[in-house]
Structures are given as structure tokens and as C-alpha cells.
Amino acid sequence: MKTPPVKAVASQWSSRRVSTSPPARVYGYVRSRELRARHVSDQIEPQRLALDAWAASVGIIFDDVYVERGFGADCPFNKRTQGKAALARLQPNDVLVAARFDRLFGGAEDAHASLALARQRKFAIRALDVRGGQAELETDESLANILLALAGGTRYAVSLKRKAVKDKQSELGRYKGGRVPFGYLVDPEGRLVPDPAQRAFVSQLHRMKLSEATGEQMRLAALEQGFTLTTAGIGKILKRSFSGS
């Protein structure tokens, strides 16, 4: 159903948006698992009525309502026909509103990924059964924790937790793991600090490069000082140190 753009927005809806932002476009989303739903809980019409009642209560008009049929809850949002169309259309400050939260995502992993995308692209996702449609799900920290808990011991949840640990270590100035770059070492507190002997040899490599030494000559020079490096590795060291990292 195509309707005119948003004409009026109630104060409770627009309170977070600054006056310099473009007018928000508001889209609805409803979904049925079957092409012709047999159960009331899966029917489209009650969801449409709920969206219409909510829109009237907050003073907005939907720019469009995406009607999804034939996709179950296990199908990721971006793999559904209308879900994919909605994601392609949503712009910063736009809002996608579902009648029910369980109509939106294909499990906890999909929900987490979809809400992360919303944060990245600066559009909002809401559901009428979550705080009356006033909560922006992508910014709700409690919801993120719930989704992570639902993911349980899955590989996705484990990877998220590892990333969180590495991000925290980075904030504290600690090395996040992996091979230590040549020229540095990890101190007892887990921080990446310069290695004097290796940094001195990096300086020697730069001098050799200026004198047009070959990669093989640099490799042999490294061996003489106890460093086992390949010519390709030396090239990466020179490039990295030249960039200041």
C-alpha cells in the first residue's frame, strides 16, 4: 500500500531527531509464514490493523508497508523478498516498524546482525510489542544482551564474546593477539612495546634500501643478526614501518 509521505509527527516520536535532519520516512513490516495463513497468530490482517492503529496514535502516515508471505522465522531478514527490499530502501533517519518482534528476524544471530546494520546505516527498527513501538531496537543494550544469551553456545556467540574481549584489550592498550609484528614485543602486562634490537635492525633495513640493497642481501643481513625473515616479510616490514605503524 503506497501512501503519501509523512505529514505530521507526534512529539514523542520526533523527540530524538534534530531539526536539521531530513524528515523520517516510516515503513511498516508484516509477515506470515505461509502464503495463506491458517492460524490467527500468523495472519497478515491483524498485524496491519495494529500498525494502522499505532500510526494514528502517534500521528504518522506510513510511506509503505511491506507485506511478507511464505517465509518462516528461520529465514534471515535479508534473505526474504520484502525484507531485502526494505533494507535496500532504508536511509539514515528512516524507521521500520513491525507489528510484532517475532515477525522481524530469523533467530538471535540474524537479529544481532540486522540491528548492527541499522546502527551502521543510521536507520531505526521498532516493534509494537516492545515498549509500545517507542524503543529503537538497534540502540537497546538490554536487547543486545538478551540476543546474545539466546544465541547461547553457538559459534556466533563465541565469536562475539572474543571480539568484545579483544576490543576491551585494545582500549586498555593491550595486544589483541596473533603474530607479534617485527620490531615489537609483548610486555608482562600484555601491552605491545618496541623491541630495541629489532627496531635497530628495521632502521638498518631502511638504510640498506636507500643504498639499493637487494631483498636477498637484506635477508642474509637479518640471518647474521639472528632474525629469520623472508624477502617478502622484509618488504612488509619496510612498508609497515614507513607508514608509521
C-alpha atoms as a PDB file:
ATOM      1  CA  MET A   1       0.000   0.000   0.000  1.00  0.00           C
ATOM      2  CA  LYS A   2       1.607   3.220  -1.158  1.00  0.00           C
ATOM      3  CA  THR A   3       0.606   6.319   0.790  1.00  0.00           C
ATOM      4  CA  PRO A   4       1.778   9.952   0.834  1.00  0.00           C
ATOM      5  CA  PRO A   5       4.961  10.802   2.752  1.00  0.00           C
ATOM      6  CA  VAL A   6       4.869  11.540   6.455  1.00  0.00           C
ATOM      7  CA  LYS A   7       2.948  14.767   7.036  1.00  0.00           C
ATOM      8  CA  ALA A   8       2.946  15.090  10.788  1.00  0.00           C
ATOM      9  CA  VAL A   9       4.983  13.515  13.543  1.00  0.00           C
ATOM     10  CA  ALA A  10       3.925  13.446  17.171  1.00  0.00           C
ATOM     11  CA  SER A  11       6.340  14.993  19.673  1.00  0.00           C
ATOM     12  CA  GLN A  12       7.050  11.655  21.385  1.00  0.00           C
ATOM     13  CA  TRP A  13       8.080  10.221  18.009  1.00  0.00           C
ATOM     14  CA  SER A  14      10.368  13.041  16.915  1.00  0.00           C
ATOM     15  CA  SER A  15      11.991  13.969  20.217  1.00  0.00           C
ATOM     16  CA  ARG A  16      15.329  12.344  19.374  1.00  0.00           C
ATOM     17  CA  ARG A  17      15.639  13.846  15.883  1.00  0.00           C
ATOM     18  CA  VAL A  18      17.332  17.230  15.476  1.00  0.00           C
ATOM     19  CA  SER A  19      15.727  19.881  13.296  1.00  0.00           C
ATOM     20  CA  THR A  20      18.491  19.691  10.698  1.00  0.00           C
ATOM     21  CA  SER A  21      17.731  16.039   9.899  1.00  0.00           C
ATOM     22  CA  PRO A  22      15.644  15.218   6.834  1.00  0.00           C
ATOM     23  CA  PRO A  23      12.042  14.135   7.560  1.00  0.00           C
ATOM     24  CA  ALA A  24      11.914  10.491   8.607  1.00  0.00           C
ATOM     25  CA  ARG A  25      10.278   8.064   6.241  1.00  0.00           C
ATOM     26  CA  VAL A  26       8.355   5.426   8.156  1.00  0.00           C
ATOM     27  CA  TYR A  27       7.757   1.931   6.805  1.00  0.00           C
ATOM     28  CA  GLY A  28       5.670  -0.898   8.191  1.00  0.00           C
ATOM     29  CA  TYR A  29       6.506  -4.590   8.067  1.00  0.00           C
ATOM     30  CA  VAL A  30       4.199  -7.596   8.492  1.00  0.00           C
ATOM     31  CA  ARG A  31       4.941 -11.266   7.846  1.00  0.00           C
ATOM     32  CA  SER A  32       3.131 -14.557   7.511  1.00  0.00           C
ATOM     33  CA  ARG A  33       4.917 -17.901   7.474  1.00  0.00           C
ATOM     34  CA  GLU A  34       2.506 -19.216   4.846  1.00  0.00           C
ATOM     35  CA  LEU A  35       1.152 -17.745   1.619  1.00  0.00           C
ATOM     36  CA  ARG A  36      -2.342 -18.219   3.090  1.00  0.00           C
ATOM     37  CA  ALA A  37      -2.133 -18.247   6.861  1.00  0.00           C
ATOM     38  CA  ARG A  38      -4.373 -20.773   8.574  1.00  0.00           C
ATOM     39  CA  HIS A  39      -3.799 -19.623  12.158  1.00  0.00           C
ATOM     40  CA  VAL A  40      -4.883 -16.243  13.508  1.00  0.00           C
ATOM     41  CA  SER A  41      -1.468 -15.642  15.060  1.00  0.00           C
ATOM     42  CA  ASP A  42       0.106 -15.866  11.597  1.00  0.00           C
ATOM     43  CA  GLN A  43      -2.404 -13.796   9.654  1.00  0.00           C
ATOM     44  CA  ILE A  44      -1.472 -10.504   7.997  1.00  0.00           C
ATOM     45  CA  GLU A  45      -4.656  -8.524   8.644  1.00  0.00           C
ATOM     46  CA  PRO A  46      -4.359  -8.285  12.483  1.00  0.00           C
ATOM     47  CA  GLN A  47      -0.787  -7.051  12.069  1.00  0.00           C
ATOM     48  CA  ARG A  48      -1.915  -4.431   9.535  1.00  0.00           C
ATOM     49  CA  LEU A  49      -4.670  -3.239  11.847  1.00  0.00           C
ATOM     50  CA  ALA A  50      -2.219  -2.962  14.747  1.00  0.00           C
ATOM     51  CA  LEU A  51       0.168  -0.897  12.607  1.00  0.00           C
ATOM     52  CA  ASP A  52      -2.651   1.399  11.424  1.00  0.00           C
ATOM     53  CA  ALA A  53      -3.865   1.963  14.997  1.00  0.00           C
ATOM     54  CA  TRP A  54      -0.369   2.749  16.208  1.00  0.00           C
ATOM     55  CA  ALA A  55       0.314   5.134  13.310  1.00  0.00           C
ATOM     56  CA  ALA A  56      -2.888   7.035  14.080  1.00  0.00           C
ATOM     57  CA  SER A  57      -1.974   7.242  17.778  1.00  0.00           C
ATOM     58  CA  VAL A  58       1.434   8.835  17.100  1.00  0.00           C
ATOM     59  CA  GLY A  59       0.327  10.975  14.171  1.00  0.00           C
ATOM     60  CA  ILE A  60       2.263   9.479  11.268  1.00  0.00           C
ATOM     61  CA  ILE A  61       1.430   8.016   7.861  1.00  0.00           C
ATOM     62  CA  PHE A  62       3.407   5.068   6.545  1.00  0.00           C
ATOM     63  CA  ASP A  63       5.313   5.676   3.333  1.00  0.00           C
ATOM     64  CA  ASP A  64       4.857   1.997   2.578  1.00  0.00           C
ATOM     65  CA  VAL A  65       4.007  -1.261   4.319  1.00  0.00           C
ATOM     66  CA  TYR A  66       5.996  -4.345   3.344  1.00  0.00           C
ATOM     67  CA  VAL A  67       3.843  -7.481   3.320  1.00  0.00           C
ATOM     68  CA  GLU A  68       5.928 -10.648   3.554  1.00  0.00           C
ATOM     69  CA  ARG A  69       4.377 -14.048   2.856  1.00  0.00           C
ATOM     70  CA  GLY A  70       5.798 -17.541   2.727  1.00  0.00           C
ATOM     71  CA  PHE A  71       8.956 -17.070   4.838  1.00  0.00           C
ATOM     72  CA  GLY A  72       9.374 -18.787   8.174  1.00  0.00           C
ATOM     73  CA  ALA A  73      11.081 -17.480  11.306  1.00  0.00           C
ATOM     74  CA  ASP A  74      14.273 -19.373  10.451  1.00  0.00           C
ATOM     75  CA  CYS A  75      14.819 -17.323   7.285  1.00  0.00           C
ATOM     76  CA  PRO A  76      17.122 -14.301   7.841  1.00  0.00           C
ATOM     77  CA  PHE A  77      15.522 -10.903   7.291  1.00  0.00           C
ATOM     78  CA  ASN A  78      17.845 -10.004   4.401  1.00  0.00           C
ATOM     79  CA  LYS A  79      17.031 -13.274   2.593  1.00  0.00           C
ATOM     80  CA  ARG A  80      13.290 -12.581   2.406  1.00  0.00           C
ATOM     81  CA  THR A  81      11.830 -10.830  -0.635  1.00  0.00           C
ATOM     82  CA  GLN A  82      10.288  -7.894   1.214  1.00  0.00           C
ATOM     83  CA  GLY A  83      12.944  -7.792   3.917  1.00  0.00           C
ATOM     84  CA  LYS A  84      15.643  -7.408   1.280  1.00  0.00           C
ATOM     85  CA  ALA A  85      13.586  -4.698  -0.463  1.00  0.00           C
ATOM     86  CA  ALA A  86      13.155  -2.805   2.796  1.00  0.00           C
ATOM     87  CA  LEU A  87      16.874  -2.894   3.580  1.00  0.00           C
ATOM     88  CA  ALA A  88      17.692  -1.604   0.113  1.00  0.00           C
ATOM     89  CA  ARG A  89      15.320   1.331   0.612  1.00  0.00           C
ATOM     90  CA  LEU A  90      16.037   2.386   4.187  1.00  0.00           C
ATOM     91  CA  GLN A  91      18.092   5.578   4.522  1.00  0.00           C
ATOM     92  CA  PRO A  92      19.521   7.442   7.559  1.00  0.00           C
ATOM     93  CA  ASN A  93      16.712   8.638   9.895  1.00  0.00           C
ATOM     94  CA  ASP A  94      14.191   6.238   8.331  1.00  0.00           C
ATOM     95  CA  VAL A  95      12.227   3.889  10.586  1.00  0.00           C
ATOM     96  CA  LEU A  96      10.967   0.349  10.016  1.00  0.00           C
ATOM     97  CA  VAL A  97       8.117  -0.692  12.337  1.00  0.00           C
ATOM     98  CA  ALA A  98       6.886  -4.275  12.736  1.00  0.00           C
ATOM     99  CA  ALA A  99       3.604  -5.218  14.346  1.00  0.00           C
ATOM    100  CA  ARG A 100       5.384  -7.899  16.385  1.00  0.00           C
ATOM    101  CA  PHE A 101       9.020  -8.534  17.211  1.00  0.00           C
ATOM    102  CA  ASP A 102       8.730 -12.206  16.254  1.00  0.00           C
ATOM    103  CA  ARG A 103       7.855 -11.162  12.685  1.00  0.00           C
ATOM    104  CA  LEU A 104      11.210  -9.452  12.168  1.00  0.00           C
ATOM    105  CA  PHE A 105      14.230 -11.718  12.402  1.00  0.00           C
ATOM    106  CA  GLY A 106      15.342 -15.279  11.700  1.00  0.00           C
ATOM    107  CA  GLY A 107      16.749 -16.052  15.130  1.00  0.00           C
ATOM    108  CA  ALA A 108      19.129 -14.352  17.537  1.00  0.00           C
ATOM    109  CA  GLU A 109      22.092 -14.280  15.151  1.00  0.00           C
ATOM    110  CA  ASP A 110      20.049 -12.642  12.391  1.00  0.00           C
ATOM    111  CA  ALA A 111      18.567 -10.146  14.858  1.00  0.00           C
ATOM    112  CA  HIS A 112      22.003  -9.138  16.118  1.00  0.00           C
ATOM    113  CA  ALA A 113      23.381  -8.739  12.574  1.00  0.00           C
ATOM    114  CA  SER A 114      20.330  -6.814  11.336  1.00  0.00           C
ATOM    115  CA  LEU A 115      20.365  -4.405  14.270  1.00  0.00           C
ATOM    116  CA  ALA A 116      24.111  -3.861  13.809  1.00  0.00           C
ATOM    117  CA  LEU A 117      23.395  -2.953  10.190  1.00  0.00           C
ATOM    118  CA  ALA A 118      20.725  -0.496  11.345  1.00  0.00           C
ATOM    119  CA  ARG A 119      23.225   1.195  13.663  1.00  0.00           C
ATOM    120  CA  GLN A 120      25.819   1.366  10.901  1.00  0.00           C
ATOM    121  CA  ARG A 121      23.417   2.853   8.339  1.00  0.00           C
ATOM    122  CA  LYS A 122      21.639   5.035  10.945  1.00  0.00           C
ATOM    123  CA  PHE A 123      18.080   3.854  10.443  1.00  0.00           C
ATOM    124  CA  ALA A 124      15.810   2.583  13.207  1.00  0.00           C
ATOM    125  CA  ILE A 125      13.878  -0.645  13.761  1.00  0.00           C
ATOM    126  CA  ARG A 126      10.891  -0.854  16.105  1.00  0.00           C
ATOM    127  CA  ALA A 127       8.255  -3.391  17.112  1.00  0.00           C
ATOM    128  CA  LEU A 128       4.863  -2.541  18.575  1.00  0.00           C
ATOM    129  CA  ASP A 129       5.158  -5.196  21.290  1.00  0.00           C
ATOM    130  CA  VAL A 130       8.474  -3.764  22.544  1.00  0.00           C
ATOM    131  CA  ARG A 131       7.773  -0.666  24.667  1.00  0.00           C
ATOM    132  CA  GLY A 132       4.758   0.234  22.602  1.00  0.00           C
ATOM    133  CA  GLY A 133       6.792   0.808  19.456  1.00  0.00           C
ATOM    134  CA  GLN A 134       8.800   3.638  21.022  1.00  0.00           C
ATOM    135  CA  ALA A 135      12.045   1.697  21.573  1.00  0.00           C
ATOM    136  CA  GLU A 136      14.683   1.772  18.875  1.00  0.00           C
ATOM    137  CA  LEU A 137      15.809  -1.830  18.978  1.00  0.00           C
ATOM    138  CA  GLU A 138      19.229  -1.226  17.437  1.00  0.00           C
ATOM    139  CA  THR A 139      20.246   1.039  20.354  1.00  0.00           C
ATOM    140  CA  ASP A 140      18.746  -1.060  23.143  1.00  0.00           C
ATOM    141  CA  GLU A 141      21.683  -2.527  25.093  1.00  0.00           C
ATOM    142  CA  SER A 142      19.447  -4.806  27.150  1.00  0.00           C
ATOM    143  CA  LEU A 143      18.054  -6.300  23.948  1.00  0.00           C
ATOM    144  CA  ALA A 144      21.587  -6.924  22.645  1.00  0.00           C
ATOM    145  CA  ASN A 145      22.377  -8.837  25.836  1.00  0.00           C
ATOM    146  CA  ILE A 146      19.183 -10.865  25.500  1.00  0.00           C
ATOM    147  CA  LEU A 147      20.014 -11.767  21.898  1.00  0.00           C
ATOM    148  CA  LEU A 148      23.488 -12.860  22.907  1.00  0.00           C
ATOM    149  CA  ALA A 149      22.010 -15.013  25.661  1.00  0.00           C
ATOM    150  CA  LEU A 150      19.586 -16.595  23.190  1.00  0.00           C
ATOM    151  CA  ALA A 151      22.494 -17.399  20.886  1.00  0.00           C
ATOM    152  CA  GLY A 152      23.871 -19.450  23.771  1.00  0.00           C
ATOM    153  CA  GLY A 153      26.926 -21.535  22.987  1.00  0.00           C
ATOM    154  CA  THR A 154      26.719 -21.117  19.229  1.00  0.00           C
ATOM    155  CA  ARG A 155      29.851 -20.303  17.241  1.00  0.00           C
ATOM    156  CA  TYR A 156      28.390 -16.871  16.522  1.00  0.00           C
ATOM    157  CA  ALA A 157      28.040 -16.034  20.223  1.00  0.00           C
ATOM    158  CA  VAL A 158      31.553 -17.282  20.946  1.00  0.00           C
ATOM    159  CA  SER A 159      32.985 -15.083  18.175  1.00  0.00           C
ATOM    160  CA  LEU A 160      31.117 -12.060  19.530  1.00  0.00           C
ATOM    161  CA  LYS A 161      32.495 -12.637  23.004  1.00  0.00           C
ATOM    162  CA  ARG A 162      36.040 -12.994  21.673  1.00  0.00           C
ATOM    163  CA  LYS A 163      35.683  -9.772  19.717  1.00  0.00           C
ATOM    164  CA  ALA A 164      34.404  -7.990  22.839  1.00  0.00           C
ATOM    165  CA  VAL A 165      37.442  -9.199  24.803  1.00  0.00           C
ATOM    166  CA  LYS A 166      39.837  -8.021  22.081  1.00  0.00           C
ATOM    167  CA  ASP A 167      38.113  -4.640  21.859  1.00  0.00           C
ATOM    168  CA  LYS A 168      38.434  -4.249  25.625  1.00  0.00           C
ATOM    169  CA  GLN A 169      42.109  -5.180  25.492  1.00  0.00           C
ATOM    170  CA  SER A 170      42.648  -2.656  22.734  1.00  0.00           C
ATOM    171  CA  GLU A 171      41.036   0.048  24.861  1.00  0.00           C
ATOM    172  CA  LEU A 172      43.487  -0.797  27.643  1.00  0.00           C
ATOM    173  CA  GLY A 173      46.434  -0.675  25.257  1.00  0.00           C
ATOM    174  CA  ARG A 174      46.945  -4.423  25.362  1.00  0.00           C
ATOM    175  CA  TYR A 175      47.901  -6.570  22.396  1.00  0.00           C
ATOM    176  CA  LYS A 176      44.820  -8.259  20.875  1.00  0.00           C
ATOM    177  CA  GLY A 177      46.570 -11.444  19.804  1.00  0.00           C
ATOM    178  CA  GLY A 178      48.045 -13.020  16.706  1.00  0.00           C
ATOM    179  CA  ARG A 179      51.632 -12.822  15.478  1.00  0.00           C
ATOM    180  CA  VAL A 180      53.568 -10.005  17.126  1.00  0.00           C
ATOM    181  CA  PRO A 181      54.795  -7.569  14.423  1.00  0.00           C
ATOM    182  CA  PHE A 182      58.538  -7.491  13.879  1.00  0.00           C
ATOM    183  CA  GLY A 183      60.015  -4.598  15.856  1.00  0.00           C
ATOM    184  CA  TYR A 184      57.772  -5.115  18.880  1.00  0.00           C
ATOM    185  CA  LEU A 185      57.318  -7.416  21.857  1.00  0.00           C
ATOM    186  CA  VAL A 186      54.552  -8.009  24.392  1.00  0.00           C
ATOM    187  CA  ASP A 187      55.445  -6.859  27.905  1.00  0.00           C
ATOM    188  CA  PRO A 188      54.323  -8.662  31.113  1.00  0.00           C
ATOM    189  CA  GLU A 189      51.184  -6.502  31.269  1.00  0.00           C
ATOM    190  CA  GLY A 190      50.147  -7.578  27.775  1.00  0.00           C
ATOM    191  CA  ARG A 191      50.998  -4.317  26.028  1.00  0.00           C
ATOM    192  CA  LEU A 192      52.726  -4.059  22.657  1.00  0.00           C
ATOM    193  CA  VAL A 193      56.029  -2.181  23.098  1.00  0.00           C
ATOM    194  CA  PRO A 194      59.083  -1.596  20.836  1.00  0.00           C
ATOM    195  CA  ASP A 195      61.847  -4.227  20.840  1.00  0.00           C
ATOM    196  CA  PRO A 196      65.143  -2.234  20.830  1.00  0.00           C
ATOM    197  CA  ALA A 197      67.183  -4.840  18.902  1.00  0.00           C
ATOM    198  CA  GLN A 198      64.523  -5.408  16.255  1.00  0.00           C
ATOM    199  CA  ARG A 199      63.801  -1.689  15.869  1.00  0.00           C
ATOM    200  CA  ALA A 200      67.506  -1.076  15.342  1.00  0.00           C
ATOM    201  CA  PHE A 201      67.529  -3.679  12.584  1.00  0.00           C
ATOM    202  CA  VAL A 202      64.458  -2.089  10.976  1.00  0.00           C
ATOM    203  CA  SER A 203      66.453   1.147  10.777  1.00  0.00           C
ATOM    204  CA  GLN A 204      69.319  -0.819   9.191  1.00  0.00           C
ATOM    205  CA  LEU A 205      66.894  -2.249   6.602  1.00  0.00           C
ATOM    206  CA  HIS A 206      65.831   1.248   5.624  1.00  0.00           C
ATOM    207  CA  ARG A 207      69.451   2.283   5.186  1.00  0.00           C
ATOM    208  CA  MET A 208      70.096  -0.793   3.043  1.00  0.00           C
ATOM    209  CA  LYS A 209      67.053   0.023   0.915  1.00  0.00           C
ATOM    210  CA  LEU A 210      68.352   3.546   0.351  1.00  0.00           C
ATOM    211  CA  SER A 211      71.659   2.057  -0.774  1.00  0.00           C
ATOM    212  CA  GLU A 212      69.678  -0.145  -3.207  1.00  0.00           C
ATOM    213  CA  ALA A 213      70.492  -3.431  -1.479  1.00  0.00           C
ATOM    214  CA  THR A 214      68.542  -6.423  -2.779  1.00  0.00           C
ATOM    215  CA  GLY A 215      65.963  -8.332  -0.802  1.00  0.00           C
ATOM    216  CA  GLU A 216      68.310 -11.318  -0.635  1.00  0.00           C
ATOM    217  CA  GLN A 217      71.079  -9.146   0.810  1.00  0.00           C
ATOM    218  CA  MET A 218      68.662  -7.881   3.446  1.00  0.00           C
ATOM    219  CA  ARG A 219      67.613 -11.445   4.266  1.00  0.00           C
ATOM    220  CA  LEU A 220      71.229 -12.513   4.759  1.00  0.00           C
ATOM    221  CA  ALA A 221      71.860  -9.469   6.943  1.00  0.00           C
ATOM    222  CA  ALA A 222      68.902 -10.498   9.084  1.00  0.00           C
ATOM    223  CA  LEU A 223      70.317 -14.023   9.462  1.00  0.00           C
ATOM    224  CA  GLU A 224      73.644 -12.611  10.614  1.00  0.00           C
ATOM    225  CA  GLN A 225      71.827 -10.905  13.498  1.00  0.00           C
ATOM    226  CA  GLY A 226      69.724 -13.948  14.352  1.00  0.00           C
ATOM    227  CA  PHE A 227      66.486 -12.896  12.636  1.00  0.00           C
ATOM    228  CA  THR A 228      64.857 -15.418  10.304  1.00  0.00           C
ATOM    229  CA  LEU A 229      62.998 -13.304   7.759  1.00  0.00           C
ATOM    230  CA  THR A 230      61.871 -13.891   4.186  1.00  0.00           C
ATOM    231  CA  THR A 231      62.330 -11.297   1.457  1.00  0.00           C
ATOM    232  CA  ALA A 232      58.537 -10.911   1.312  1.00  0.00           C
ATOM    233  CA  GLY A 233      58.444 -10.412   5.082  1.00  0.00           C
ATOM    234  CA  ILE A 234      61.156  -7.771   4.868  1.00  0.00           C
ATOM    235  CA  GLY A 235      59.117  -5.951   2.236  1.00  0.00           C
ATOM    236  CA  LYS A 236      56.128  -5.884   4.589  1.00  0.00           C
ATOM    237  CA  ILE A 237      58.289  -4.656   7.482  1.00  0.00           C
ATOM    238  CA  LEU A 238      59.642  -1.796   5.375  1.00  0.00           C
ATOM    239  CA  LYS A 239      56.199  -0.857   4.164  1.00  0.00           C
ATOM    240  CA  ARG A 240      54.673  -1.014   7.648  1.00  0.00           C
ATOM    241  CA  SER A 241      57.433   0.943   9.365  1.00  0.00           C
ATOM    242  CA  PHE A 242      57.473   3.519   6.580  1.00  0.00           C
ATOM    243  CA  SER A 243      53.768   4.167   7.158  1.00  0.00           C
ATOM    244  CA  GLY A 244      54.488   4.754  10.827  1.00  0.00           C
ATOM    245  CA  SER A 245      52.659   1.744  12.232  1.00  0.00           C
END
